[in-house]
Amino acid sequence: MGEVDGRRERRAGNRQAAIEALVELFGEDRFQPSTVEISERAGISARSLFRYFDDQDDLVRAAIDHNLSAARPLLEIDIAPDTPTAEKVDRIVAARVRLFDATAPAARAARVSAHRHEILAAQIQESRAFLRAQLRRTFAPELRGAPAARFPVLDVLCSFETYELLRRDQGMSSRRAAKVLTAAIVALVEIP
């Protein structure tokens, strides 16, 4: 019995090491590393890697799930609809910055891989829908009677993709990106 438990523990440890190795590689912007690179980083043999995963796609999904599951508590924010608009904007932006900074490597990897993974594509859509609904609830009073185009623009401003453009394409710090987003959202929701 002890031998079986030891094998299970070793197997679970090796599986976790492979997942963590791939998450580290994602953090280095290496979204499609070879099995040799992953196994070397994990400290296991390349041949044994697929004792723990069906294939490389299964490992990619597991690594993305691992990173995103750690960030799930960051999804929930409690903002009452009657909270002053400026405070809502500050809290939404702060929450999104925390979430996007925590999930950036996995979110990038998911977007790179989504075209060949139905599950990842569906997860991205679910996350977007959740965050969109959160915005709709939070800013319902400010958007009541506003032109129909205002909410889609708010959704885009509060998206991972916009944050990525500010951070990576325009080279802004998290703090600077947050200030830019805050100013844009305030202008958008306060337009009469």
N, C-alpha and C. Protein backbone atom coordinates (compact mmCIF):
# COMPACT_ATOMS: atom_id res chain seq x y z
N MET A 1 0.82 -1.21 0.00
CA MET A 1 0.00 0.00 0.00
C MET A 1 0.86 1.26 0.00
N GLY A 2 1.93 1.28 0.83
CA GLY A 2 2.81 2.44 0.90
C GLY A 2 3.51 2.69 -0.42
N GLU A 3 3.84 1.62 -1.14
CA GLU A 3 4.50 1.77 -2.44
C GLU A 3 3.56 2.44 -3.46
N VAL A 4 2.29 2.03 -3.43
CA VAL A 4 1.28 2.62 -4.33
C VAL A 4 1.09 4.10 -4.00
N ASP A 5 0.98 4.41 -2.69
CA ASP A 5 0.81 5.81 -2.28
C ASP A 5 2.02 6.65 -2.70
N GLY A 6 3.22 6.08 -2.57
CA GLY A 6 4.43 6.78 -2.98
C GLY A 6 4.43 7.07 -4.47
N ARG A 7 3.97 6.10 -5.26
CA ARG A 7 3.89 6.31 -6.71
C ARG A 7 2.87 7.40 -7.04
N ARG A 8 1.73 7.36 -6.34
CA ARG A 8 0.71 8.39 -6.57
C ARG A 8 1.25 9.77 -6.24
N GLU A 9 1.94 9.87 -5.11
CA GLU A 9 2.51 11.16 -4.71
C GLU A 9 3.54 11.64 -5.73
N ARG A 10 4.40 10.72 -6.18
CA ARG A 10 5.41 11.07 -7.18
C ARG A 10 4.74 11.52 -8.47
N ARG A 11 3.71 10.78 -8.86
CA ARG A 11 2.98 11.12 -10.09
C ARG A 11 2.35 12.51 -9.97
N ALA A 12 1.68 12.75 -8.85
CA ALA A 12 1.04 14.06 -8.63
C ALA A 12 2.10 15.16 -8.58
N GLY A 13 3.23 14.89 -7.94
CA GLY A 13 4.30 15.88 -7.87
C GLY A 13 4.89 16.18 -9.23
N ASN A 14 5.11 15.14 -10.04
CA ASN A 14 5.65 15.33 -11.39
C ASN A 14 4.66 16.07 -12.28
N ARG A 15 3.38 15.74 -12.14
CA ARG A 15 2.34 16.43 -12.92
C ARG A 15 2.34 17.92 -12.56
N GLN A 16 2.38 18.20 -11.26
CA GLN A 16 2.37 19.59 -10.81
C GLN A 16 3.63 20.32 -11.27
N ALA A 17 4.77 19.64 -11.23
CA ALA A 17 6.04 20.25 -11.68
C ALA A 17 5.95 20.63 -13.16
N ALA A 18 5.34 19.77 -13.97
CA ALA A 18 5.19 20.06 -15.41
C ALA A 18 4.26 21.25 -15.62
N ILE A 19 3.17 21.31 -14.87
CA ILE A 19 2.24 22.44 -14.97
C ILE A 19 2.95 23.73 -14.59
N GLU A 20 3.65 23.72 -13.47
CA GLU A 20 4.34 24.93 -13.01
C GLU A 20 5.45 25.34 -13.97
N ALA A 21 6.13 24.36 -14.56
CA ALA A 21 7.17 24.67 -15.55
C ALA A 21 6.57 25.39 -16.75
N LEU A 22 5.43 24.91 -17.22
CA LEU A 22 4.80 25.55 -18.38
C LEU A 22 4.28 26.95 -18.02
N VAL A 23 3.73 27.11 -16.82
CA VAL A 23 3.29 28.44 -16.38
C VAL A 23 4.48 29.40 -16.35
N GLU A 24 5.62 28.93 -15.87
CA GLU A 24 6.84 29.77 -15.87
C GLU A 24 7.22 30.16 -17.30
N LEU A 25 7.15 29.21 -18.21
CA LEU A 25 7.48 29.49 -19.60
C LEU A 25 6.51 30.50 -20.19
N PHE A 26 5.22 30.38 -19.85
CA PHE A 26 4.24 31.38 -20.29
C PHE A 26 4.65 32.76 -19.79
N GLY A 27 5.11 32.82 -18.54
CA GLY A 27 5.55 34.08 -17.95
C GLY A 27 6.74 34.69 -18.67
N GLU A 28 7.46 33.87 -19.42
CA GLU A 28 8.60 34.33 -20.23
C GLU A 28 8.18 34.55 -21.68
N ASP A 29 6.86 34.59 -21.91
CA ASP A 29 6.30 34.77 -23.26
C ASP A 29 6.67 33.63 -24.20
N ARG A 30 6.80 32.45 -23.66
CA ARG A 30 7.09 31.27 -24.47
C ARG A 30 5.82 30.41 -24.42
N PHE A 31 4.97 30.59 -25.41
CA PHE A 31 3.63 29.99 -25.38
C PHE A 31 3.56 28.63 -26.07
N GLN A 32 4.56 28.26 -26.80
CA GLN A 32 4.57 26.96 -27.46
C GLN A 32 5.94 26.29 -27.32
N PRO A 33 6.39 26.09 -26.08
CA PRO A 33 7.70 25.46 -25.89
C PRO A 33 7.63 23.98 -26.25
N SER A 34 8.79 23.41 -26.54
CA SER A 34 8.84 21.98 -26.87
C SER A 34 8.65 21.15 -25.61
N THR A 35 8.33 19.90 -25.80
CA THR A 35 8.19 18.99 -24.65
C THR A 35 9.52 18.84 -23.93
N VAL A 36 10.62 18.92 -24.65
CA VAL A 36 11.94 18.82 -24.02
C VAL A 36 12.15 20.02 -23.09
N GLU A 37 11.80 21.22 -23.56
CA GLU A 37 11.96 22.41 -22.73
C GLU A 37 11.10 22.32 -21.46
N ILE A 38 9.88 21.86 -21.63
CA ILE A 38 8.97 21.74 -20.49
C ILE A 38 9.50 20.72 -19.50
N SER A 39 9.87 19.55 -20.01
CA SER A 39 10.32 18.48 -19.11
C SER A 39 11.62 18.84 -18.41
N GLU A 40 12.55 19.51 -19.12
CA GLU A 40 13.79 19.94 -18.48
C GLU A 40 13.50 20.93 -17.37
N ARG A 41 12.62 21.87 -17.62
CA ARG A 41 12.26 22.87 -16.61
C ARG A 41 11.60 22.18 -15.41
N ALA A 42 10.82 21.14 -15.67
CA ALA A 42 10.10 20.43 -14.61
C ALA A 42 10.98 19.43 -13.87
N GLY A 43 12.12 19.10 -14.47
CA GLY A 43 13.01 18.12 -13.84
C GLY A 43 12.55 16.68 -14.02
N ILE A 44 11.85 16.43 -15.12
CA ILE A 44 11.40 15.07 -15.43
C ILE A 44 11.81 14.75 -16.87
N SER A 45 11.73 13.49 -17.23
CA SER A 45 12.12 13.12 -18.59
C SER A 45 11.01 13.49 -19.57
N ALA A 46 11.43 13.82 -20.79
CA ALA A 46 10.46 14.17 -21.84
C ALA A 46 9.51 13.01 -22.11
N ARG A 47 10.05 11.80 -22.04
CA ARG A 47 9.23 10.61 -22.31
C ARG A 47 8.15 10.43 -21.25
N SER A 48 8.49 10.76 -20.01
CA SER A 48 7.51 10.55 -18.93
C SER A 48 6.46 11.65 -18.87
N LEU A 49 6.72 12.77 -19.53
CA LEU A 49 5.79 13.89 -19.48
C LEU A 49 4.37 13.46 -19.84
N PHE A 50 4.25 12.61 -20.84
CA PHE A 50 2.91 12.24 -21.30
C PHE A 50 2.34 11.02 -20.58
N ARG A 51 2.96 10.67 -19.48
CA ARG A 51 2.30 9.74 -18.55
C ARG A 51 1.30 10.53 -17.72
N TYR A 52 1.52 11.82 -17.64
CA TYR A 52 0.71 12.68 -16.78
C TYR A 52 -0.34 13.47 -17.54
N PHE A 53 -0.18 13.56 -18.86
CA PHE A 53 -1.10 14.33 -19.71
C PHE A 53 -1.39 13.55 -20.97
N ASP A 54 -2.59 13.71 -21.50
CA ASP A 54 -2.96 13.00 -22.73
C ASP A 54 -2.08 13.42 -23.90
N ASP A 55 -1.81 14.72 -23.97
CA ASP A 55 -0.98 15.27 -25.05
C ASP A 55 -0.56 16.68 -24.64
N GLN A 56 0.14 17.37 -25.50
CA GLN A 56 0.61 18.71 -25.15
C GLN A 56 -0.55 19.67 -24.95
N ASP A 57 -1.63 19.50 -25.72
CA ASP A 57 -2.80 20.35 -25.54
C ASP A 57 -3.41 20.19 -24.15
N ASP A 58 -3.42 18.96 -23.65
CA ASP A 58 -3.94 18.69 -22.30
C ASP A 58 -3.07 19.41 -21.27
N LEU A 59 -1.76 19.40 -21.46
CA LEU A 59 -0.85 20.10 -20.56
C LEU A 59 -1.06 21.61 -20.63
N VAL A 60 -1.24 22.14 -21.82
CA VAL A 60 -1.49 23.58 -21.98
C VAL A 60 -2.76 23.98 -21.23
N ARG A 61 -3.83 23.22 -21.42
CA ARG A 61 -5.09 23.53 -20.71
C ARG A 61 -4.89 23.46 -19.20
N ALA A 62 -4.16 22.45 -18.73
CA ALA A 62 -3.93 22.30 -17.29
C ALA A 62 -3.14 23.49 -16.73
N ALA A 63 -2.13 23.95 -17.47
CA ALA A 63 -1.32 25.08 -17.02
C ALA A 63 -2.15 26.37 -16.98
N ILE A 64 -2.95 26.57 -18.00
CA ILE A 64 -3.80 27.76 -18.03
C ILE A 64 -4.83 27.70 -16.90
N ASP A 65 -5.46 26.55 -16.71
CA ASP A 65 -6.42 26.39 -15.62
C ASP A 65 -5.76 26.65 -14.26
N HIS A 66 -4.55 26.15 -14.09
CA HIS A 66 -3.81 26.33 -12.83
C HIS A 66 -3.63 27.81 -12.54
N ASN A 67 -3.17 28.56 -13.52
CA ASN A 67 -2.93 29.99 -13.34
C ASN A 67 -4.22 30.75 -13.11
N LEU A 68 -5.24 30.44 -13.88
CA LEU A 68 -6.51 31.17 -13.76
C LEU A 68 -7.25 30.82 -12.48
N SER A 69 -7.15 29.56 -12.03
CA SER A 69 -7.88 29.19 -10.81
C SER A 69 -7.32 29.93 -9.60
N ALA A 70 -6.02 30.22 -9.61
CA ALA A 70 -5.43 30.98 -8.50
C ALA A 70 -5.97 32.40 -8.47
N ALA A 71 -6.40 32.90 -9.62
CA ALA A 71 -6.88 34.28 -9.70
C ALA A 71 -8.40 34.40 -9.57
N ARG A 72 -9.12 33.31 -9.46
CA ARG A 72 -10.59 33.37 -9.39
C ARG A 72 -11.12 34.31 -8.31
N PRO A 73 -10.51 34.33 -7.12
CA PRO A 73 -11.03 35.26 -6.11
C PRO A 73 -10.97 36.74 -6.55
N LEU A 74 -10.10 37.05 -7.49
CA LEU A 74 -9.98 38.42 -7.97
C LEU A 74 -11.14 38.83 -8.88
N LEU A 75 -11.92 37.86 -9.33
CA LEU A 75 -13.06 38.17 -10.21
C LEU A 75 -14.18 38.89 -9.49
N GLU A 76 -14.37 38.55 -8.24
CA GLU A 76 -15.51 39.08 -7.49
C GLU A 76 -15.18 40.44 -6.89
N ILE A 77 -16.01 41.41 -7.18
CA ILE A 77 -15.91 42.71 -6.52
C ILE A 77 -17.32 43.10 -6.11
N ASP A 78 -17.42 43.71 -4.97
CA ASP A 78 -18.73 44.07 -4.43
C ASP A 78 -18.88 45.58 -4.47
N ILE A 79 -19.61 46.05 -5.47
CA ILE A 79 -19.85 47.49 -5.61
C ILE A 79 -21.35 47.69 -5.75
N ALA A 80 -21.91 48.42 -4.83
CA ALA A 80 -23.35 48.70 -4.88
C ALA A 80 -23.65 49.68 -6.01
N PRO A 81 -24.80 49.53 -6.68
CA PRO A 81 -25.16 50.45 -7.77
C PRO A 81 -25.21 51.91 -7.35
N ASP A 82 -25.48 52.19 -6.04
CA ASP A 82 -25.58 53.58 -5.60
C ASP A 82 -24.25 54.16 -5.12
N THR A 83 -23.17 53.41 -5.28
CA THR A 83 -21.83 53.92 -4.96
C THR A 83 -21.54 55.09 -5.90
N PRO A 84 -20.90 56.15 -5.42
CA PRO A 84 -20.58 57.27 -6.31
C PRO A 84 -19.77 56.79 -7.54
N THR A 85 -20.05 57.39 -8.67
CA THR A 85 -19.46 56.96 -9.94
C THR A 85 -17.94 56.93 -9.88
N ALA A 86 -17.32 57.98 -9.36
CA ALA A 86 -15.84 58.04 -9.32
C ALA A 86 -15.27 56.86 -8.52
N GLU A 87 -15.93 56.51 -7.43
CA GLU A 87 -15.47 55.38 -6.61
C GLU A 87 -15.67 54.06 -7.37
N LYS A 88 -16.79 53.91 -8.07
CA LYS A 88 -17.02 52.71 -8.88
C LYS A 88 -15.90 52.54 -9.90
N VAL A 89 -15.59 53.64 -10.60
CA VAL A 89 -14.56 53.57 -11.63
C VAL A 89 -13.22 53.17 -11.00
N ASP A 90 -12.86 53.81 -9.90
CA ASP A 90 -11.59 53.49 -9.23
C ASP A 90 -11.54 52.02 -8.83
N ARG A 91 -12.64 51.52 -8.27
CA ARG A 91 -12.65 50.13 -7.80
C ARG A 91 -12.65 49.14 -8.95
N ILE A 92 -13.38 49.43 -10.02
CA ILE A 92 -13.38 48.54 -11.19
C ILE A 92 -11.99 48.49 -11.81
N VAL A 93 -11.39 49.66 -12.01
CA VAL A 93 -10.06 49.70 -12.63
C VAL A 93 -9.04 48.97 -11.74
N ALA A 94 -9.05 49.23 -10.46
CA ALA A 94 -8.11 48.55 -9.55
C ALA A 94 -8.30 47.04 -9.59
N ALA A 95 -9.55 46.59 -9.60
CA ALA A 95 -9.83 45.15 -9.65
C ALA A 95 -9.37 44.54 -10.96
N ARG A 96 -9.62 45.23 -12.07
CA ARG A 96 -9.20 44.69 -13.37
C ARG A 96 -7.68 44.66 -13.49
N VAL A 97 -7.01 45.68 -13.00
CA VAL A 97 -5.55 45.70 -13.06
C VAL A 97 -4.98 44.53 -12.26
N ARG A 98 -5.50 44.30 -11.04
CA ARG A 98 -5.04 43.16 -10.23
C ARG A 98 -5.29 41.85 -10.97
N LEU A 99 -6.49 41.69 -11.52
CA LEU A 99 -6.84 40.47 -12.23
C LEU A 99 -5.96 40.27 -13.46
N PHE A 100 -5.83 41.29 -14.27
CA PHE A 100 -5.07 41.16 -15.52
C PHE A 100 -3.58 40.96 -15.26
N ASP A 101 -3.04 41.63 -14.25
CA ASP A 101 -1.63 41.40 -13.92
C ASP A 101 -1.40 39.97 -13.43
N ALA A 102 -2.35 39.46 -12.64
CA ALA A 102 -2.21 38.10 -12.10
C ALA A 102 -2.37 37.02 -13.16
N THR A 103 -3.19 37.28 -14.16
CA THR A 103 -3.50 36.24 -15.14
C THR A 103 -2.84 36.45 -16.50
N ALA A 104 -2.06 37.50 -16.65
CA ALA A 104 -1.53 37.86 -17.97
C ALA A 104 -0.84 36.70 -18.70
N PRO A 105 0.09 35.98 -18.08
CA PRO A 105 0.74 34.89 -18.85
C PRO A 105 -0.26 33.84 -19.34
N ALA A 106 -1.16 33.42 -18.48
CA ALA A 106 -2.14 32.41 -18.89
C ALA A 106 -3.13 32.98 -19.89
N ALA A 107 -3.53 34.22 -19.70
CA ALA A 107 -4.47 34.85 -20.64
C ALA A 107 -3.85 34.98 -22.03
N ARG A 108 -2.57 35.34 -22.07
CA ARG A 108 -1.88 35.42 -23.37
C ARG A 108 -1.81 34.03 -24.01
N ALA A 109 -1.41 33.05 -23.22
CA ALA A 109 -1.31 31.68 -23.74
C ALA A 109 -2.66 31.17 -24.23
N ALA A 110 -3.71 31.48 -23.50
CA ALA A 110 -5.05 31.05 -23.91
C ALA A 110 -5.43 31.66 -25.25
N ARG A 111 -5.12 32.93 -25.41
CA ARG A 111 -5.46 33.60 -26.67
C ARG A 111 -4.63 33.08 -27.84
N VAL A 112 -3.38 32.74 -27.58
CA VAL A 112 -2.52 32.17 -28.62
C VAL A 112 -3.03 30.79 -29.03
N SER A 113 -3.55 30.04 -28.07
CA SER A 113 -3.94 28.64 -28.32
C SER A 113 -5.42 28.44 -28.60
N ALA A 114 -6.25 29.44 -28.38
CA ALA A 114 -7.70 29.27 -28.46
C ALA A 114 -8.18 28.80 -29.83
N HIS A 115 -7.49 29.18 -30.88
CA HIS A 115 -7.93 28.79 -32.22
C HIS A 115 -7.91 27.28 -32.44
N ARG A 116 -7.15 26.57 -31.63
CA ARG A 116 -7.12 25.11 -31.79
C ARG A 116 -7.64 24.36 -30.56
N HIS A 117 -8.21 25.09 -29.62
CA HIS A 117 -8.75 24.48 -28.40
C HIS A 117 -10.15 25.03 -28.15
N GLU A 118 -11.14 24.26 -28.45
CA GLU A 118 -12.52 24.71 -28.22
C GLU A 118 -12.76 25.06 -26.76
N ILE A 119 -12.17 24.28 -25.87
CA ILE A 119 -12.38 24.50 -24.44
C ILE A 119 -11.82 25.86 -24.03
N LEU A 120 -10.62 26.18 -24.49
CA LEU A 120 -10.02 27.47 -24.16
C LEU A 120 -10.82 28.62 -24.76
N ALA A 121 -11.24 28.45 -26.01
CA ALA A 121 -12.05 29.50 -26.65
C ALA A 121 -13.34 29.73 -25.85
N ALA A 122 -13.95 28.66 -25.40
CA ALA A 122 -15.17 28.78 -24.60
C ALA A 122 -14.89 29.46 -23.25
N GLN A 123 -13.76 29.12 -22.63
CA GLN A 123 -13.41 29.74 -21.35
C GLN A 123 -13.18 31.25 -21.51
N ILE A 124 -12.54 31.63 -22.60
CA ILE A 124 -12.32 33.06 -22.85
C ILE A 124 -13.66 33.76 -23.00
N GLN A 125 -14.58 33.16 -23.76
CA GLN A 125 -15.91 33.76 -23.94
C GLN A 125 -16.67 33.85 -22.62
N GLU A 126 -16.58 32.81 -21.79
CA GLU A 126 -17.25 32.81 -20.49
C GLU A 126 -16.69 33.91 -19.59
N SER A 127 -15.37 34.04 -19.58
CA SER A 127 -14.75 35.09 -18.76
C SER A 127 -15.18 36.48 -19.23
N ARG A 128 -15.18 36.67 -20.53
CA ARG A 128 -15.60 37.97 -21.07
C ARG A 128 -17.05 38.25 -20.70
N ALA A 129 -17.91 37.25 -20.80
CA ALA A 129 -19.33 37.43 -20.47
C ALA A 129 -19.50 37.76 -18.99
N PHE A 130 -18.74 37.09 -18.13
CA PHE A 130 -18.82 37.36 -16.69
C PHE A 130 -18.42 38.80 -16.40
N LEU A 131 -17.27 39.22 -16.94
CA LEU A 131 -16.77 40.57 -16.70
C LEU A 131 -17.70 41.63 -17.31
N ARG A 132 -18.30 41.31 -18.45
CA ARG A 132 -19.26 42.22 -19.10
C ARG A 132 -20.50 42.40 -18.22
N ALA A 133 -21.01 41.30 -17.69
CA ALA A 133 -22.19 41.37 -16.82
C ALA A 133 -21.88 42.16 -15.54
N GLN A 134 -20.66 41.99 -15.04
CA GLN A 134 -20.23 42.74 -13.86
C GLN A 134 -20.26 44.24 -14.14
N LEU A 135 -19.76 44.64 -15.29
CA LEU A 135 -19.80 46.06 -15.68
C LEU A 135 -21.22 46.57 -15.83
N ARG A 136 -22.05 45.76 -16.48
CA ARG A 136 -23.44 46.16 -16.72
C ARG A 136 -24.16 46.41 -15.39
N ARG A 137 -23.96 45.52 -14.41
CA ARG A 137 -24.59 45.69 -13.09
C ARG A 137 -24.02 46.92 -12.37
N THR A 138 -22.72 47.05 -12.40
CA THR A 138 -22.06 48.13 -11.66
C THR A 138 -22.46 49.51 -12.17
N PHE A 139 -22.49 49.66 -13.49
CA PHE A 139 -22.74 50.97 -14.08
C PHE A 139 -24.16 51.13 -14.63
N ALA A 140 -25.08 50.30 -14.17
CA ALA A 140 -26.47 50.39 -14.64
C ALA A 140 -27.05 51.80 -14.47
N PRO A 141 -26.90 52.43 -13.31
CA PRO A 141 -27.47 53.78 -13.17
C PRO A 141 -26.85 54.79 -14.13
N GLU A 142 -25.54 54.72 -14.32
CA GLU A 142 -24.86 55.66 -15.20
C GLU A 142 -25.21 55.45 -16.67
N LEU A 143 -25.54 54.22 -17.02
CA LEU A 143 -25.81 53.90 -18.42
C LEU A 143 -27.30 53.98 -18.78
N ARG A 144 -28.15 54.12 -17.76
CA ARG A 144 -29.59 54.22 -18.02
C ARG A 144 -29.86 55.41 -18.92
N GLY A 145 -30.48 55.18 -20.06
CA GLY A 145 -30.82 56.24 -20.99
C GLY A 145 -29.65 56.70 -21.87
N ALA A 146 -28.48 56.10 -21.69
CA ALA A 146 -27.31 56.48 -22.50
C ALA A 146 -27.43 55.87 -23.89
N PRO A 147 -26.73 56.43 -24.86
CA PRO A 147 -26.73 55.83 -26.20
C PRO A 147 -26.26 54.37 -26.14
N ALA A 148 -26.82 53.56 -27.00
CA ALA A 148 -26.52 52.11 -26.98
C ALA A 148 -25.05 51.80 -27.16
N ALA A 149 -24.31 52.64 -27.83
CA ALA A 149 -22.89 52.38 -28.10
C ALA A 149 -22.02 52.57 -26.86
N ARG A 150 -22.53 53.24 -25.86
CA ARG A 150 -21.69 53.55 -24.70
C ARG A 150 -21.25 52.30 -23.95
N PHE A 151 -22.14 51.34 -23.75
CA PHE A 151 -21.75 50.15 -23.00
C PHE A 151 -20.70 49.31 -23.72
N PRO A 152 -20.84 49.03 -25.02
CA PRO A 152 -19.77 48.27 -25.68
C PRO A 152 -18.39 48.95 -25.58
N VAL A 153 -18.37 50.27 -25.62
CA VAL A 153 -17.10 50.98 -25.48
C VAL A 153 -16.55 50.80 -24.07
N LEU A 154 -17.40 50.87 -23.06
CA LEU A 154 -16.99 50.63 -21.68
C LEU A 154 -16.42 49.22 -21.54
N ASP A 155 -17.10 48.26 -22.15
CA ASP A 155 -16.64 46.87 -22.10
C ASP A 155 -15.24 46.73 -22.72
N VAL A 156 -15.03 47.37 -23.85
CA VAL A 156 -13.71 47.31 -24.50
C VAL A 156 -12.65 47.97 -23.63
N LEU A 157 -12.96 49.13 -23.04
CA LEU A 157 -12.00 49.81 -22.18
C LEU A 157 -11.58 48.95 -20.99
N CYS A 158 -12.49 48.13 -20.50
CA CYS A 158 -12.22 47.32 -19.30
C CYS A 158 -11.76 45.90 -19.64
N SER A 159 -11.36 45.67 -20.87
CA SER A 159 -10.97 44.32 -21.30
C SER A 159 -9.48 44.05 -21.12
N PHE A 160 -9.14 42.78 -21.05
CA PHE A 160 -7.75 42.36 -20.99
C PHE A 160 -6.99 42.86 -22.21
N GLU A 161 -7.61 42.81 -23.36
CA GLU A 161 -6.94 43.21 -24.60
C GLU A 161 -6.54 44.69 -24.57
N THR A 162 -7.41 45.54 -24.07
CA THR A 162 -7.08 46.96 -23.96
C THR A 162 -5.93 47.17 -22.97
N TYR A 163 -6.01 46.48 -21.85
CA TYR A 163 -4.95 46.58 -20.84
C TYR A 163 -3.61 46.11 -21.43
N GLU A 164 -3.64 45.05 -22.18
CA GLU A 164 -2.43 44.54 -22.84
C GLU A 164 -1.85 45.56 -23.81
N LEU A 165 -2.70 46.21 -24.58
CA LEU A 165 -2.22 47.23 -25.51
C LEU A 165 -1.53 48.37 -24.76
N LEU A 166 -2.14 48.81 -23.68
CA LEU A 166 -1.53 49.88 -22.90
C LEU A 166 -0.20 49.46 -22.29
N ARG A 167 -0.17 48.25 -21.74
CA ARG A 167 1.04 47.78 -21.04
C ARG A 167 2.14 47.38 -22.02
N ARG A 168 1.81 46.56 -22.98
CA ARG A 168 2.86 45.98 -23.82
C ARG A 168 3.13 46.80 -25.08
N ASP A 169 2.09 47.25 -25.74
CA ASP A 169 2.28 47.98 -26.99
C ASP A 169 2.75 49.41 -26.71
N GLN A 170 2.12 50.04 -25.72
CA GLN A 170 2.47 51.43 -25.42
C GLN A 170 3.47 51.56 -24.27
N GLY A 171 3.84 50.43 -23.67
CA GLY A 171 4.89 50.42 -22.66
C GLY A 171 4.56 51.09 -21.34
N MET A 172 3.28 51.17 -21.01
CA MET A 172 2.89 51.83 -19.76
C MET A 172 3.08 50.90 -18.57
N SER A 173 3.36 51.50 -17.43
CA SER A 173 3.37 50.74 -16.18
C SER A 173 1.92 50.41 -15.82
N SER A 174 1.74 49.51 -14.88
CA SER A 174 0.37 49.20 -14.41
C SER A 174 -0.29 50.46 -13.87
N ARG A 175 0.48 51.23 -13.14
CA ARG A 175 -0.06 52.45 -12.53
C ARG A 175 -0.51 53.45 -13.59
N ARG A 176 0.32 53.66 -14.60
CA ARG A 176 -0.01 54.60 -15.68
C ARG A 176 -1.22 54.10 -16.47
N ALA A 177 -1.24 52.80 -16.78
CA ALA A 177 -2.37 52.23 -17.52
C ALA A 177 -3.66 52.42 -16.72
N ALA A 178 -3.59 52.23 -15.41
CA ALA A 178 -4.78 52.42 -14.56
C ALA A 178 -5.27 53.87 -14.62
N LYS A 179 -4.35 54.82 -14.61
CA LYS A 179 -4.74 56.23 -14.69
C LYS A 179 -5.40 56.55 -16.03
N VAL A 180 -4.84 56.02 -17.10
CA VAL A 180 -5.40 56.24 -18.43
C VAL A 180 -6.80 55.64 -18.52
N LEU A 181 -6.95 54.40 -18.05
CA LEU A 181 -8.26 53.74 -18.08
C LEU A 181 -9.28 54.50 -17.24
N THR A 182 -8.86 54.92 -16.06
CA THR A 182 -9.76 55.66 -15.17
C THR A 182 -10.26 56.94 -15.86
N ALA A 183 -9.35 57.69 -16.45
CA ALA A 183 -9.75 58.93 -17.12
C ALA A 183 -10.71 58.65 -18.28
N ALA A 184 -10.43 57.61 -19.05
CA ALA A 184 -11.29 57.29 -20.20
C ALA A 184 -12.67 56.83 -19.74
N ILE A 185 -12.72 56.02 -18.71
CA ILE A 185 -14.01 55.50 -18.22
C ILE A 185 -14.83 56.63 -17.59
N VAL A 186 -14.18 57.47 -16.80
CA VAL A 186 -14.90 58.61 -16.20
C VAL A 186 -15.50 59.47 -17.30
N ALA A 187 -14.72 59.78 -18.31
CA ALA A 187 -15.24 60.60 -19.42
C ALA A 187 -16.41 59.92 -20.10
N LEU A 188 -16.32 58.62 -20.26
CA LEU A 188 -17.38 57.88 -20.95
C LEU A 188 -18.67 57.83 -20.13
N VAL A 189 -18.58 57.48 -18.85
CA VAL A 189 -19.80 57.30 -18.07
C VAL A 189 -20.42 58.63 -17.63
N GLU A 190 -19.63 59.69 -17.63
CA GLU A 190 -20.16 60.98 -17.19
C GLU A 190 -20.64 61.85 -18.34
N ILE A 191 -20.52 61.38 -19.56
CA ILE A 191 -21.04 62.15 -20.70
C ILE A 191 -22.56 62.18 -20.55
N PRO A 192 -23.18 63.37 -20.63
CA PRO A 192 -24.65 63.43 -20.48
C PRO A 192 -25.38 62.80 -21.66
